[in-house]
Amino acid sequence: MSNFLTIKELEALGLKGYGENVLIGRHAVIYTPASLTIGNHVRIDDFSIISGNVTLGDYIHISQFCGLYGGESGIWMEDFSGLSSKCSIYAVSDDYSGNSMTNPMVPQEYKPNSIHAPVKIKRHAIIGCGSVVLPGVTVKEGTSIGSMSLCNKTTEEWSVYVGIPARRIGNREKKILELEKQLMEDISES
């Protein structure tokens, strides 16, 4: 038996939509499959959790033990983006000030200060292991977030960020754009 769901098992999940060559680990958990759209060539590894509105583009990898919490606001991962192991992406968060109740078992009317804001992870963005992205953040095209970083603000394109909170430390090379072009040409020729 494969470590990934079969086509029949994938169909039975009731996903909003999915493309070709989708690999979902048998031990991944999808709480709201009707709110999940998956593109082509996507791999979601074991022990990852996906909840709420989430849209995944093409050529995406979500490594082991990741959590994507889209809530109603949603998470969008564009083509060629990826999450290393143990990343957490939040489009929803409780208010920790004490002015609002917390946890998903409390009705929303008692959580007036909870935070709901979309998260966008743009093309060729990569997020290193153990990193956290908070509600309302856009990780812009080509951005690299180093391991164990806390991304609480929108990034600049083609930049490298590290730390808590994440801070920009330099530019990221763009050779991957040439490699993407070559990949697409090779695919169209085959």
Protein backbone atom coordinates (compact mmCIF):
# COMPACT_ATOMS: atom_id res chain seq x y z
CA MET A 1 0.00 0.00 0.00
CA SER A 2 1.26 3.47 -0.91
CA ASN A 3 1.93 6.11 1.73
CA PHE A 4 -0.29 8.45 -0.31
CA LEU A 5 -4.03 8.36 -0.97
CA THR A 6 -5.17 6.59 -4.13
CA ILE A 7 -7.17 8.45 -6.80
CA LYS A 8 -10.32 6.79 -5.48
CA GLU A 9 -9.55 7.90 -1.91
CA LEU A 10 -8.76 11.41 -3.16
CA GLU A 11 -12.12 11.56 -4.95
CA ALA A 12 -13.91 10.42 -1.78
CA LEU A 13 -12.51 13.33 0.26
CA GLY A 14 -14.99 15.77 -1.27
CA LEU A 15 -12.45 18.45 -2.10
CA LYS A 16 -13.65 21.69 -3.70
CA GLY A 17 -11.33 20.83 -6.60
CA TYR A 18 -8.02 19.18 -7.42
CA GLY A 19 -5.70 18.76 -10.39
CA GLU A 20 -3.35 16.07 -11.64
CA ASN A 21 -0.52 14.41 -9.74
CA VAL A 22 -1.83 15.26 -6.28
CA LEU A 23 -0.20 13.34 -3.44
CA ILE A 24 -1.73 13.51 0.03
CA GLY A 25 -0.18 11.49 2.84
CA ARG A 26 -2.42 8.93 4.49
CA HIS A 27 -1.87 10.60 7.85
CA ALA A 28 -2.54 14.18 6.73
CA VAL A 29 -5.75 15.68 8.13
CA ILE A 30 -8.12 17.86 6.11
CA TYR A 31 -10.88 19.21 8.35
CA THR A 32 -12.86 21.11 5.72
CA PRO A 33 -12.30 19.35 2.38
CA ALA A 34 -15.11 21.28 0.65
CA SER A 35 -13.07 24.47 1.26
CA LEU A 36 -9.78 23.12 -0.17
CA THR A 37 -8.73 23.63 -3.80
CA ILE A 38 -5.55 21.90 -4.97
CA GLY A 39 -3.76 22.53 -8.27
CA ASN A 40 -1.48 20.20 -10.24
CA HIS A 41 1.69 18.55 -8.92
CA VAL A 42 0.98 19.14 -5.23
CA ARG A 43 2.24 17.05 -2.34
CA ILE A 44 0.90 17.27 1.22
CA ASP A 45 2.90 15.13 3.62
CA ASP A 46 1.79 13.13 6.65
CA PHE A 47 0.81 14.75 9.94
CA SER A 48 -0.07 18.07 8.30
CA ILE A 49 -3.41 19.73 9.09
CA ILE A 50 -5.41 21.85 6.66
CA SER A 51 -8.48 23.65 7.92
CA GLY A 52 -10.71 26.39 6.51
CA ASN A 53 -10.49 28.08 3.12
CA VAL A 54 -7.22 27.09 1.47
CA THR A 55 -6.21 27.33 -2.20
CA LEU A 56 -3.03 25.66 -3.44
CA GLY A 57 -1.60 26.41 -6.89
CA ASP A 58 0.68 24.16 -8.96
CA TYR A 59 4.00 22.57 -7.98
CA ILE A 60 3.56 23.00 -4.24
CA HIS A 61 5.00 20.98 -1.37
CA ILE A 62 3.66 21.06 2.19
CA SER A 63 6.06 19.08 4.34
CA GLN A 64 5.35 17.00 7.47
CA PHE A 65 3.72 18.49 10.57
CA CYS A 66 2.57 21.74 8.90
CA GLY A 67 -0.63 23.49 9.90
CA LEU A 68 -2.65 25.70 7.54
CA TYR A 69 -5.52 27.41 9.36
CA GLY A 70 -7.46 29.33 6.72
CA GLY A 71 -10.65 30.09 8.60
CA GLU A 72 -13.10 32.11 6.49
CA SER A 73 -10.46 34.63 5.32
CA GLY A 74 -8.35 32.01 3.55
CA ILE A 75 -4.81 31.05 2.67
CA TRP A 76 -3.50 31.16 -0.92
CA MET A 77 -0.28 29.44 -1.91
CA GLU A 78 0.74 30.28 -5.47
CA ASP A 79 2.72 28.13 -7.91
CA PHE A 80 6.14 26.82 -6.87
CA SER A 81 5.74 27.89 -3.24
CA GLY A 82 6.46 25.57 -0.36
CA LEU A 83 6.49 24.95 3.36
CA SER A 84 9.24 23.04 5.11
CA SER A 85 8.36 20.85 8.09
CA LYS A 86 6.53 22.19 11.13
CA CYS A 87 5.41 25.50 9.57
CA SER A 88 2.20 27.10 10.82
CA ILE A 89 0.19 29.48 8.64
CA TYR A 90 -2.67 31.36 10.32
CA ALA A 91 -5.41 33.39 8.62
CA VAL A 92 -7.29 33.40 11.92
CA SER A 93 -6.12 33.93 15.49
CA ASP A 94 -7.60 34.48 18.91
CA ASP A 95 -7.04 37.77 20.75
CA TYR A 96 -4.58 37.17 23.58
CA SER A 97 -5.19 40.46 25.45
CA GLY A 98 -7.99 39.16 27.66
CA ASN A 99 -10.58 41.40 25.99
CA SER A 100 -12.06 38.51 24.05
CA MET A 101 -12.75 34.88 24.84
CA THR A 102 -10.62 32.28 23.09
CA ASN A 103 -10.73 28.81 21.47
CA PRO A 104 -12.89 27.35 18.73
CA MET A 105 -15.53 25.97 21.09
CA VAL A 106 -16.61 29.47 22.17
CA PRO A 107 -19.18 31.13 19.85
CA GLN A 108 -17.76 33.94 17.70
CA GLU A 109 -20.01 36.56 19.35
CA TYR A 110 -17.92 36.18 22.52
CA LYS A 111 -14.68 36.64 20.60
CA PRO A 112 -15.12 40.18 19.19
CA ASN A 113 -11.39 40.83 18.91
CA SER A 114 -10.35 37.64 17.14
CA ILE A 115 -8.24 38.32 14.07
CA HIS A 116 -9.34 37.21 10.60
CA ALA A 117 -7.21 38.24 7.62
CA PRO A 118 -6.12 36.42 4.45
CA VAL A 119 -2.60 35.07 4.03
CA LYS A 120 -0.96 34.98 0.60
CA ILE A 121 2.18 33.04 -0.19
CA LYS A 122 3.24 34.16 -3.66
CA ARG A 123 5.09 32.34 -6.45
CA HIS A 124 8.47 30.86 -5.59
CA ALA A 125 8.17 31.80 -1.91
CA ILE A 126 9.63 29.25 0.48
CA ILE A 127 9.15 29.10 4.23
CA GLY A 128 11.76 27.33 6.36
CA CYS A 129 11.06 24.70 9.03
CA GLY A 130 9.36 25.74 12.22
CA SER A 131 8.34 29.17 10.92
CA VAL A 132 5.04 30.91 11.64
CA VAL A 133 3.10 33.27 9.35
CA LEU A 134 0.40 35.37 11.03
CA PRO A 135 -2.96 36.67 9.69
CA GLY A 136 -2.87 39.39 7.05
CA VAL A 137 0.67 38.69 5.85
CA THR A 138 1.65 38.40 2.19
CA VAL A 139 4.90 36.54 1.62
CA LYS A 140 5.75 38.16 -1.70
CA GLU A 141 7.10 36.51 -4.85
CA GLY A 142 10.48 34.86 -4.48
CA THR A 143 10.77 35.52 -0.76
CA SER A 144 12.64 33.07 1.45
CA ILE A 145 11.73 32.89 5.14
CA GLY A 146 14.49 31.26 7.20
CA SER A 147 13.88 28.47 9.70
CA MET A 148 12.22 29.29 13.03
CA SER A 149 11.10 32.76 11.89
CA LEU A 150 7.95 34.66 12.87
CA CYS A 151 6.56 36.48 9.85
CA ASN A 152 4.16 39.11 11.19
CA LYS A 153 4.42 41.67 8.36
CA THR A 154 4.20 41.56 4.58
CA THR A 155 7.59 40.99 2.96
CA GLU A 156 9.38 42.52 -0.02
CA GLU A 157 9.75 40.52 -3.25
CA TRP A 158 12.87 38.42 -3.85
CA SER A 159 14.22 38.90 -0.35
CA VAL A 160 15.56 36.72 2.45
CA TYR A 161 14.05 37.08 5.94
CA VAL A 162 15.07 35.51 9.27
CA GLY A 163 14.34 35.90 12.97
CA ILE A 164 11.64 36.71 15.50
CA PRO A 165 10.14 38.88 14.22
CA ALA A 166 11.37 38.16 10.70
CA ARG A 167 13.63 40.88 9.31
CA ARG A 168 15.06 41.31 5.83
CA ILE A 169 18.75 40.38 5.57
CA GLY A 170 19.29 40.48 1.82
CA ASN A 171 18.21 39.73 -1.72
CA ARG A 172 17.29 36.31 -3.07
CA GLU A 173 18.65 35.18 -6.43
CA LYS A 174 16.21 34.88 -9.36
CA LYS A 175 17.80 31.96 -11.22
CA ILE A 176 14.74 29.89 -10.32
CA LEU A 177 12.78 31.93 -12.88
CA GLU A 178 15.08 30.62 -15.63
CA LEU A 179 14.70 27.10 -14.26
CA GLU A 180 10.90 27.47 -14.19
CA LYS A 181 10.94 28.59 -17.83
CA GLN A 182 13.08 25.58 -18.78
CA LEU A 183 10.77 23.21 -16.88
CA MET A 184 7.71 24.58 -18.69
CA GLU A 185 9.47 24.28 -22.07
CA ASP A 186 10.51 20.70 -21.32
CA ILE A 187 6.96 19.81 -20.27
CA SER A 188 5.44 21.34 -23.40
CA GLU A 189 7.88 19.36 -25.58
CA SER A 190 7.02 16.02 -23.98
